Amino acid sequence: MPLNKNLGKAQIVSLGLQHVLAMYAGAILVPLIVGRALHLSSKELAYLVAIDLLTCGIATLLQAWKNKFFGIAKQNL
């Protein structure tokens, strides 16, 4: 898919949903495994999952932010 191609609304929604589903499975599984291995309480486990999802959201926004240092639009020099 070319970088500068304008996508239709259906493609944007489809790709966004695909991203959320793929990211969510990986983002939830790791804190659950680590939390159970550390014998965390349910409250601590919920906090760990929430912080992990917040961090994933911030990382997604940073990847979408176009600049010359990082992100999906970074130019290779």
Protein backbone atom coordinates (compact mmCIF):
# COMPACT_ATOMS: atom_id res chain seq x y z
CA MET A 1 0.00 0.00 0.00
CA PRO A 2 1.61 3.31 -1.03
CA LEU A 3 2.37 5.83 1.71
CA ASN A 4 0.65 8.78 0.06
CA LYS A 5 -2.49 6.96 -1.08
CA ASN A 6 -5.76 8.30 0.33
CA LEU A 7 -7.85 5.49 1.76
CA GLY A 8 -11.61 5.30 1.79
CA LYS A 9 -13.59 5.29 5.02
CA ALA A 10 -14.29 1.56 4.77
CA GLN A 11 -10.58 0.75 4.42
CA ILE A 12 -9.67 3.05 7.31
CA VAL A 13 -12.23 1.43 9.61
CA SER A 14 -11.22 -2.06 8.50
CA LEU A 15 -7.50 -1.44 9.04
CA GLY A 16 -8.17 0.32 12.35
CA LEU A 17 -10.21 -2.61 13.63
CA GLN A 18 -7.52 -5.04 12.50
CA HIS A 19 -4.90 -3.02 14.39
CA VAL A 20 -6.98 -2.86 17.57
CA LEU A 21 -7.70 -6.60 17.59
CA ALA A 22 -4.08 -7.57 16.95
CA MET A 23 -2.74 -5.09 19.50
CA TYR A 24 -5.33 -5.91 22.15
CA ALA A 25 -4.60 -9.65 22.22
CA GLY A 26 -0.86 -9.11 22.69
CA ALA A 27 -1.33 -6.25 25.12
CA ILE A 28 -3.64 -8.23 27.41
CA LEU A 29 -1.86 -11.58 27.33
CA VAL A 30 1.56 -10.45 28.59
CA PRO A 31 0.39 -8.63 31.76
CA LEU A 32 -1.97 -11.50 32.58
CA ILE A 33 0.83 -14.07 32.36
CA VAL A 34 3.31 -11.91 34.28
CA GLY A 35 0.72 -10.92 36.88
CA ARG A 36 -0.28 -14.51 37.54
CA ALA A 37 3.38 -15.56 37.80
CA LEU A 38 3.94 -12.81 40.40
CA HIS A 39 0.75 -13.83 42.28
CA LEU A 40 -0.77 -10.36 42.00
CA SER A 41 -4.23 -9.69 43.40
CA SER A 42 -7.15 -9.08 41.05
CA LYS A 43 -6.96 -5.34 41.72
CA GLU A 44 -3.22 -5.22 40.98
CA LEU A 45 -3.70 -7.34 37.86
CA ALA A 46 -6.43 -5.00 36.58
CA TYR A 47 -4.14 -2.02 37.19
CA LEU A 48 -1.28 -3.73 35.32
CA VAL A 49 -3.52 -4.43 32.32
CA ALA A 50 -4.88 -0.85 32.33
CA ILE A 51 -1.39 0.68 32.43
CA ASP A 52 -0.26 -1.66 29.66
CA LEU A 53 -3.19 -0.61 27.43
CA LEU A 54 -2.46 3.06 28.15
CA THR A 55 1.18 2.56 27.18
CA CYS A 56 0.16 0.78 23.97
CA GLY A 57 -2.14 3.68 23.10
CA ILE A 58 0.64 6.21 23.65
CA ALA A 59 3.02 4.13 21.51
CA THR A 60 0.41 3.98 18.73
CA LEU A 61 0.00 7.76 18.80
CA LEU A 62 3.77 8.24 18.66
CA GLN A 63 3.98 5.93 15.64
CA ALA A 64 1.23 7.88 13.88
CA TRP A 65 2.91 11.23 14.60
CA LYS A 66 4.83 12.28 11.51
CA ASN A 67 8.27 13.69 12.21
CA LYS A 68 11.86 13.09 11.11
CA PHE A 69 13.01 11.19 14.22
CA PHE A 70 10.58 8.28 14.60
CA GLY A 71 7.18 7.04 13.57
CA ILE A 72 5.71 5.36 10.57
CA ALA A 73 6.44 8.32 8.27
CA LYS A 74 10.17 8.49 9.13
CA GLN A 75 12.28 9.09 6.04
CA ASN A 76 15.27 6.81 5.52
CA LEU A 77 18.27 8.98 4.74
